[in-house]
Amino acid sequence: MYLLNINVDKIKKLAEDDRLFEYVINQLEQLQSFGPLPGIILPMLEAFLPILPLIVFVLANSVVYGLFKGFLYAWIGTAFGSILVFMLVRRLGQKRFFKVIRKNKQVRRVMTWLEDHGFGPLFLLMCFPFSPSSVINVVAGLSTVSRQQFILAVLLGKSVMIFTVAYVGSSIVSFAQNPVKSIVVGVCILLFWILGKFIEKRLQRKAEKRTGQNG
């Protein structure tokens, strides 16, 4: 149980006095006997508790586990958490609570936008560290966006986001200070977007082919 013994109030207090990063690193170091699980579970919890600081978890992972393993654990955790939230909302979407959310005008607007554009906006939203990923997961779950499109956007978009945070560092100012890093991140976003669109089109063609055969 100690593995999940993260006090939310304590985290909020630590965030206010800039000691959160050190606190998370200390927690991960104390839990190294559990292997990669702490580095995976903390980012996964952020999908359910948006108050938790995903960026801090990613940076702390990189310090404790190293760049590659830290990136991998954070990516697995946040991707799995996002997909799990999406699947739960998709399954429970007809419950009264979610029906109320669905009636909200802003939620309806975002749902329509996602349904009209599919993979593209989902991927871009997942790429940015400060986008409200937990809200995106819920709205996508309430929409008619296909599971394949969402999972593809999460796997590729989150990999870009996690890589960006781990590679560039804790300050977005690094983008302006180091043009090479900016170019690398920009190229990665473009390549993953192209890859995602290619896979999306293949999935659509297969779906259309199956529909034609069944018809």
C-alpha atoms as a PDB file:
ATOM      1  CA  MET A   1       0.000   0.000   0.000  1.00  0.00           C
ATOM      2  CA  TYR A   2       2.961   2.329   0.522  1.00  0.00           C
ATOM      3  CA  LEU A   3       3.419   2.393  -3.246  1.00  0.00           C
ATOM      4  CA  LEU A   4       0.244   4.464  -3.618  1.00  0.00           C
ATOM      5  CA  ASN A   5       0.589   6.414  -0.376  1.00  0.00           C
ATOM      6  CA  ILE A   6       0.675   9.837  -2.031  1.00  0.00           C
ATOM      7  CA  ASN A   7      -1.104  12.491   0.007  1.00  0.00           C
ATOM      8  CA  VAL A   8      -2.759  14.959  -2.378  1.00  0.00           C
ATOM      9  CA  ASP A   9      -2.880  17.772   0.198  1.00  0.00           C
ATOM     10  CA  LYS A  10       0.802  17.345   0.890  1.00  0.00           C
ATOM     11  CA  ILE A  11       1.576  17.478  -2.831  1.00  0.00           C
ATOM     12  CA  LYS A  12      -0.393  20.717  -3.212  1.00  0.00           C
ATOM     13  CA  LYS A  13       1.494  22.280  -0.293  1.00  0.00           C
ATOM     14  CA  LEU A  14       4.849  21.197  -1.689  1.00  0.00           C
ATOM     15  CA  ALA A  15       3.980  22.567  -5.127  1.00  0.00           C
ATOM     16  CA  GLU A  16       3.334  25.970  -3.598  1.00  0.00           C
ATOM     17  CA  ASP A  17       6.823  26.217  -2.089  1.00  0.00           C
ATOM     18  CA  ASP A  18       8.675  24.732  -5.085  1.00  0.00           C
ATOM     19  CA  ARG A  19       9.770  21.540  -3.316  1.00  0.00           C
ATOM     20  CA  LEU A  20       7.493  19.176  -5.232  1.00  0.00           C
ATOM     21  CA  PHE A  21      10.149  18.065  -7.709  1.00  0.00           C
ATOM     22  CA  GLU A  22      12.567  17.114  -4.921  1.00  0.00           C
ATOM     23  CA  TYR A  23       9.771  15.372  -3.040  1.00  0.00           C
ATOM     24  CA  VAL A  24       8.794  13.200  -6.036  1.00  0.00           C
ATOM     25  CA  ILE A  25      12.423  12.282  -6.705  1.00  0.00           C
ATOM     26  CA  ASN A  26      12.854  11.225  -3.073  1.00  0.00           C
ATOM     27  CA  GLN A  27       9.674   9.134  -3.255  1.00  0.00           C
ATOM     28  CA  LEU A  28      10.810   7.378  -6.431  1.00  0.00           C
ATOM     29  CA  GLU A  29      14.248   6.696  -4.973  1.00  0.00           C
ATOM     30  CA  GLN A  30      12.702   5.185  -1.842  1.00  0.00           C
ATOM     31  CA  LEU A  31      10.474   2.967  -3.996  1.00  0.00           C
ATOM     32  CA  GLN A  32      13.184   1.665  -6.329  1.00  0.00           C
ATOM     33  CA  SER A  33      12.801  -1.798  -4.801  1.00  0.00           C
ATOM     34  CA  PHE A  34       9.467  -1.970  -6.657  1.00  0.00           C
ATOM     35  CA  GLY A  35      11.273  -1.633  -9.973  1.00  0.00           C
ATOM     36  CA  PRO A  36       9.561   0.421 -12.700  1.00  0.00           C
ATOM     37  CA  LEU A  37       6.116   0.326 -11.051  1.00  0.00           C
ATOM     38  CA  PRO A  38       6.354   3.709  -9.233  1.00  0.00           C
ATOM     39  CA  GLY A  39       7.542   5.407 -12.421  1.00  0.00           C
ATOM     40  CA  ILE A  40       4.570   3.937 -14.292  1.00  0.00           C
ATOM     41  CA  ILE A  41       1.864   4.314 -11.639  1.00  0.00           C
ATOM     42  CA  LEU A  42       2.434   7.997 -10.814  1.00  0.00           C
ATOM     43  CA  PRO A  43       1.884   9.195 -14.424  1.00  0.00           C
ATOM     44  CA  MET A  44      -1.037   6.777 -14.740  1.00  0.00           C
ATOM     45  CA  LEU A  45      -2.743   8.306 -11.685  1.00  0.00           C
ATOM     46  CA  GLU A  46      -2.603  11.753 -13.310  1.00  0.00           C
ATOM     47  CA  ALA A  47      -5.177  10.563 -15.864  1.00  0.00           C
ATOM     48  CA  PHE A  48      -7.635  10.083 -12.987  1.00  0.00           C
ATOM     49  CA  LEU A  49      -6.464  12.949 -10.767  1.00  0.00           C
ATOM     50  CA  PRO A  50      -5.618  15.965 -12.975  1.00  0.00           C
ATOM     51  CA  ILE A  51      -4.424  17.861  -9.896  1.00  0.00           C
ATOM     52  CA  LEU A  52      -1.285  15.686  -9.989  1.00  0.00           C
ATOM     53  CA  PRO A  53       1.644  17.244 -11.920  1.00  0.00           C
ATOM     54  CA  LEU A  54       2.481  14.988 -14.878  1.00  0.00           C
ATOM     55  CA  ILE A  55       5.407  17.144 -15.987  1.00  0.00           C
ATOM     56  CA  VAL A  56       7.051  16.816 -12.565  1.00  0.00           C
ATOM     57  CA  PHE A  57       6.582  13.036 -12.679  1.00  0.00           C
ATOM     58  CA  VAL A  58       8.203  12.857 -16.127  1.00  0.00           C
ATOM     59  CA  LEU A  59      11.181  14.965 -15.088  1.00  0.00           C
ATOM     60  CA  ALA A  60      11.605  13.007 -11.843  1.00  0.00           C
ATOM     61  CA  ASN A  61      11.455   9.737 -13.793  1.00  0.00           C
ATOM     62  CA  SER A  62      14.287  10.949 -16.021  1.00  0.00           C
ATOM     63  CA  VAL A  63      16.426  11.808 -12.998  1.00  0.00           C
ATOM     64  CA  VAL A  64      15.805   8.567 -11.094  1.00  0.00           C
ATOM     65  CA  TYR A  65      15.646   6.010 -13.931  1.00  0.00           C
ATOM     66  CA  GLY A  66      17.656   7.744 -16.631  1.00  0.00           C
ATOM     67  CA  LEU A  67      16.375   9.426 -19.795  1.00  0.00           C
ATOM     68  CA  PHE A  68      15.353   6.313 -21.750  1.00  0.00           C
ATOM     69  CA  LYS A  69      13.799   4.282 -18.933  1.00  0.00           C
ATOM     70  CA  GLY A  70      12.253   7.396 -17.395  1.00  0.00           C
ATOM     71  CA  PHE A  71      10.661   8.261 -20.727  1.00  0.00           C
ATOM     72  CA  LEU A  72       9.456   4.680 -21.265  1.00  0.00           C
ATOM     73  CA  TYR A  73       7.891   4.300 -17.800  1.00  0.00           C
ATOM     74  CA  ALA A  74       6.162   7.684 -17.960  1.00  0.00           C
ATOM     75  CA  TRP A  75       4.873   6.963 -21.475  1.00  0.00           C
ATOM     76  CA  ILE A  76       3.476   3.564 -20.492  1.00  0.00           C
ATOM     77  CA  GLY A  77       1.822   5.010 -17.397  1.00  0.00           C
ATOM     78  CA  THR A  78       0.210   8.073 -18.933  1.00  0.00           C
ATOM     79  CA  ALA A  79      -0.872   6.244 -22.110  1.00  0.00           C
ATOM     80  CA  PHE A  80      -2.414   3.369 -20.169  1.00  0.00           C
ATOM     81  CA  GLY A  81      -4.161   5.788 -17.788  1.00  0.00           C
ATOM     82  CA  SER A  82      -5.596   7.850 -20.648  1.00  0.00           C
ATOM     83  CA  ILE A  83      -6.856   4.784 -22.502  1.00  0.00           C
ATOM     84  CA  LEU A  84      -8.352   3.369 -19.303  1.00  0.00           C
ATOM     85  CA  VAL A  85     -10.238   6.616 -18.581  1.00  0.00           C
ATOM     86  CA  PHE A  86     -11.478   6.719 -22.177  1.00  0.00           C
ATOM     87  CA  MET A  87     -12.730   3.121 -22.017  1.00  0.00           C
ATOM     88  CA  LEU A  88     -14.452   3.665 -18.662  1.00  0.00           C
ATOM     89  CA  VAL A  89     -16.220   6.806 -19.900  1.00  0.00           C
ATOM     90  CA  ARG A  90     -17.193   5.069 -23.142  1.00  0.00           C
ATOM     91  CA  ARG A  91     -18.664   2.200 -21.130  1.00  0.00           C
ATOM     92  CA  LEU A  92     -20.422   4.386 -18.541  1.00  0.00           C
ATOM     93  CA  GLY A  93     -21.358   7.227 -20.885  1.00  0.00           C
ATOM     94  CA  GLN A  94     -25.101   6.654 -20.523  1.00  0.00           C
ATOM     95  CA  LYS A  95     -25.076   7.155 -16.770  1.00  0.00           C
ATOM     96  CA  ARG A  96     -26.863  10.259 -15.474  1.00  0.00           C
ATOM     97  CA  PHE A  97     -23.647  12.023 -14.458  1.00  0.00           C
ATOM     98  CA  PHE A  98     -22.162  11.791 -17.955  1.00  0.00           C
ATOM     99  CA  LYS A  99     -25.453  12.717 -19.601  1.00  0.00           C
ATOM    100  CA  VAL A 100     -25.334  16.007 -17.704  1.00  0.00           C
ATOM    101  CA  ILE A 101     -21.765  16.632 -18.885  1.00  0.00           C
ATOM    102  CA  ARG A 102     -22.702  15.784 -22.463  1.00  0.00           C
ATOM    103  CA  LYS A 103     -25.417  18.481 -22.449  1.00  0.00           C
ATOM    104  CA  ASN A 104     -22.904  21.220 -21.663  1.00  0.00           C
ATOM    105  CA  LYS A 105     -22.512  23.518 -24.702  1.00  0.00           C
ATOM    106  CA  GLN A 106     -18.723  23.696 -24.517  1.00  0.00           C
ATOM    107  CA  VAL A 107     -18.435  19.934 -24.155  1.00  0.00           C
ATOM    108  CA  ARG A 108     -20.767  19.459 -27.132  1.00  0.00           C
ATOM    109  CA  ARG A 109     -18.655  21.878 -29.181  1.00  0.00           C
ATOM    110  CA  VAL A 110     -15.431  20.023 -28.415  1.00  0.00           C
ATOM    111  CA  MET A 111     -17.102  16.643 -29.036  1.00  0.00           C
ATOM    112  CA  THR A 112     -18.309  17.798 -32.461  1.00  0.00           C
ATOM    113  CA  TRP A 113     -14.866  19.149 -33.300  1.00  0.00           C
ATOM    114  CA  LEU A 114     -13.194  15.852 -32.376  1.00  0.00           C
ATOM    115  CA  GLU A 115     -15.800  13.815 -34.260  1.00  0.00           C
ATOM    116  CA  ASP A 116     -15.351  15.938 -37.401  1.00  0.00           C
ATOM    117  CA  HIS A 117     -11.546  15.827 -37.435  1.00  0.00           C
ATOM    118  CA  GLY A 118     -10.685  12.507 -35.726  1.00  0.00           C
ATOM    119  CA  PHE A 119      -7.014  11.704 -35.232  1.00  0.00           C
ATOM    120  CA  GLY A 120      -5.451  15.097 -36.082  1.00  0.00           C
ATOM    121  CA  PRO A 121      -6.686  17.310 -33.219  1.00  0.00           C
ATOM    122  CA  LEU A 122      -6.462  14.479 -30.698  1.00  0.00           C
ATOM    123  CA  PHE A 123      -2.842  13.883 -31.612  1.00  0.00           C
ATOM    124  CA  LEU A 124      -1.934  17.573 -31.382  1.00  0.00           C
ATOM    125  CA  LEU A 125      -3.703  17.977 -28.038  1.00  0.00           C
ATOM    126  CA  MET A 126      -1.840  14.966 -26.651  1.00  0.00           C
ATOM    127  CA  CYS A 127       1.479  16.450 -27.790  1.00  0.00           C
ATOM    128  CA  PHE A 128       1.304  19.551 -25.617  1.00  0.00           C
ATOM    129  CA  PRO A 129       2.380  19.190 -21.962  1.00  0.00           C
ATOM    130  CA  PHE A 130      -0.082  21.785 -20.656  1.00  0.00           C
ATOM    131  CA  SER A 131      -3.212  20.594 -22.455  1.00  0.00           C
ATOM    132  CA  PRO A 132      -5.958  19.289 -20.098  1.00  0.00           C
ATOM    133  CA  SER A 133      -5.430  15.631 -20.988  1.00  0.00           C
ATOM    134  CA  SER A 134      -7.851  14.312 -18.368  1.00  0.00           C
ATOM    135  CA  VAL A 135     -10.638  16.488 -19.830  1.00  0.00           C
ATOM    136  CA  ILE A 136      -9.713  15.396 -23.361  1.00  0.00           C
ATOM    137  CA  ASN A 137      -9.925  11.731 -22.324  1.00  0.00           C
ATOM    138  CA  VAL A 138     -13.422  12.202 -20.900  1.00  0.00           C
ATOM    139  CA  VAL A 139     -14.750  14.268 -23.820  1.00  0.00           C
ATOM    140  CA  ALA A 140     -13.296  11.815 -26.338  1.00  0.00           C
ATOM    141  CA  GLY A 141     -14.950   8.963 -24.442  1.00  0.00           C
ATOM    142  CA  LEU A 142     -18.316  10.727 -24.662  1.00  0.00           C
ATOM    143  CA  SER A 143     -17.887  11.428 -28.377  1.00  0.00           C
ATOM    144  CA  THR A 144     -18.176   9.000 -31.292  1.00  0.00           C
ATOM    145  CA  VAL A 145     -14.426   9.068 -31.973  1.00  0.00           C
ATOM    146  CA  SER A 146     -13.358   5.480 -32.630  1.00  0.00           C
ATOM    147  CA  ARG A 147     -11.245   3.581 -30.121  1.00  0.00           C
ATOM    148  CA  GLN A 148      -8.585   3.015 -32.777  1.00  0.00           C
ATOM    149  CA  GLN A 149      -8.242   6.739 -33.460  1.00  0.00           C
ATOM    150  CA  PHE A 150      -8.053   7.616 -29.773  1.00  0.00           C
ATOM    151  CA  ILE A 151      -5.543   4.895 -28.876  1.00  0.00           C
ATOM    152  CA  LEU A 152      -3.381   5.805 -31.867  1.00  0.00           C
ATOM    153  CA  ALA A 153      -3.458   9.502 -30.923  1.00  0.00           C
ATOM    154  CA  VAL A 154      -2.595   8.702 -27.299  1.00  0.00           C
ATOM    155  CA  LEU A 155       0.292   6.357 -28.092  1.00  0.00           C
ATOM    156  CA  LEU A 156       1.905   8.717 -30.599  1.00  0.00           C
ATOM    157  CA  GLY A 157       0.939  12.063 -29.063  1.00  0.00           C
ATOM    158  CA  LYS A 158       1.926  11.121 -25.521  1.00  0.00           C
ATOM    159  CA  SER A 159       5.275   9.816 -26.750  1.00  0.00           C
ATOM    160  CA  VAL A 160       5.998  13.230 -28.270  1.00  0.00           C
ATOM    161  CA  MET A 161       4.868  15.036 -25.135  1.00  0.00           C
ATOM    162  CA  ILE A 162       6.848  12.824 -22.742  1.00  0.00           C
ATOM    163  CA  PHE A 163       9.934  13.016 -24.962  1.00  0.00           C
ATOM    164  CA  THR A 164       9.639  16.801 -25.200  1.00  0.00           C
ATOM    165  CA  VAL A 165       9.417  17.264 -21.431  1.00  0.00           C
ATOM    166  CA  ALA A 166      12.240  14.826 -20.697  1.00  0.00           C
ATOM    167  CA  TYR A 167      14.506  16.124 -23.460  1.00  0.00           C
ATOM    168  CA  VAL A 168      13.983  19.842 -23.262  1.00  0.00           C
ATOM    169  CA  GLY A 169      13.875  20.047 -19.471  1.00  0.00           C
ATOM    170  CA  SER A 170      11.777  21.737 -16.864  1.00  0.00           C
ATOM    171  CA  SER A 171      11.558  25.154 -18.585  1.00  0.00           C
ATOM    172  CA  ILE A 172       9.795  25.896 -21.841  1.00  0.00           C
ATOM    173  CA  VAL A 173      12.305  28.742 -22.225  1.00  0.00           C
ATOM    174  CA  SER A 174      14.768  26.059 -23.345  1.00  0.00           C
ATOM    175  CA  PHE A 175      12.979  25.950 -26.683  1.00  0.00           C
ATOM    176  CA  ALA A 176      14.050  29.515 -27.461  1.00  0.00           C
ATOM    177  CA  GLN A 177      17.497  29.137 -25.897  1.00  0.00           C
ATOM    178  CA  ASN A 178      18.386  25.969 -27.798  1.00  0.00           C
ATOM    179  CA  PRO A 179      17.217  25.987 -31.445  1.00  0.00           C
ATOM    180  CA  VAL A 180      18.514  22.441 -32.017  1.00  0.00           C
ATOM    181  CA  LYS A 181      16.181  21.054 -29.370  1.00  0.00           C
ATOM    182  CA  SER A 182      13.307  22.993 -30.880  1.00  0.00           C
ATOM    183  CA  ILE A 183      14.051  21.532 -34.323  1.00  0.00           C
ATOM    184  CA  VAL A 184      14.332  17.990 -32.964  1.00  0.00           C
ATOM    185  CA  VAL A 185      11.008  18.269 -31.142  1.00  0.00           C
ATOM    186  CA  GLY A 186       9.333  19.874 -34.172  1.00  0.00           C
ATOM    187  CA  VAL A 187      10.590  17.141 -36.508  1.00  0.00           C
ATOM    188  CA  CYS A 188       9.392  14.437 -34.106  1.00  0.00           C
ATOM    189  CA  ILE A 189       5.924  15.997 -33.931  1.00  0.00           C
ATOM    190  CA  LEU A 190       5.736  16.185 -37.737  1.00  0.00           C
ATOM    191  CA  LEU A 191       6.953  12.608 -38.242  1.00  0.00           C
ATOM    192  CA  PHE A 192       4.566  11.168 -35.676  1.00  0.00           C
ATOM    193  CA  TRP A 193       1.691  13.160 -37.159  1.00  0.00           C
ATOM    194  CA  ILE A 194       2.467  11.802 -40.645  1.00  0.00           C
ATOM    195  CA  LEU A 195       2.773   8.278 -39.243  1.00  0.00           C
ATOM    196  CA  GLY A 196      -0.521   8.640 -37.394  1.00  0.00           C
ATOM    197  CA  LYS A 197      -2.354   9.913 -40.471  1.00  0.00           C
ATOM    198  CA  PHE A 198      -0.937   7.034 -42.518  1.00  0.00           C
ATOM    199  CA  ILE A 199      -2.090   4.440 -39.982  1.00  0.00           C
ATOM    200  CA  GLU A 200      -5.464   6.170 -39.624  1.00  0.00           C
ATOM    201  CA  LYS A 201      -6.064   6.012 -43.386  1.00  0.00           C
ATOM    202  CA  ARG A 202      -5.130   2.334 -43.462  1.00  0.00           C
ATOM    203  CA  LEU A 203      -7.553   1.617 -40.633  1.00  0.00           C
ATOM    204  CA  GLN A 204     -10.282   3.552 -42.450  1.00  0.00           C
ATOM    205  CA  ARG A 205      -9.667   1.639 -45.690  1.00  0.00           C
ATOM    206  CA  LYS A 206      -9.853  -1.679 -43.849  1.00  0.00           C
ATOM    207  CA  ALA A 207     -13.080  -0.610 -42.142  1.00  0.00           C
ATOM    208  CA  GLU A 208     -14.597   0.478 -45.463  1.00  0.00           C
ATOM    209  CA  LYS A 209     -13.511  -2.798 -47.070  1.00  0.00           C
ATOM    210  CA  ARG A 210     -15.156  -4.832 -44.302  1.00  0.00           C
ATOM    211  CA  THR A 211     -18.306  -2.716 -44.605  1.00  0.00           C
ATOM    212  CA  GLY A 212     -18.386  -3.302 -48.357  1.00  0.00           C
ATOM    213  CA  GLN A 213     -17.956  -7.048 -47.932  1.00  0.00           C
ATOM    214  CA  ASN A 214     -20.687  -7.217 -45.312  1.00  0.00           C
ATOM    215  CA  GLY A 215     -22.971  -5.130 -47.500  1.00  0.00           C
END
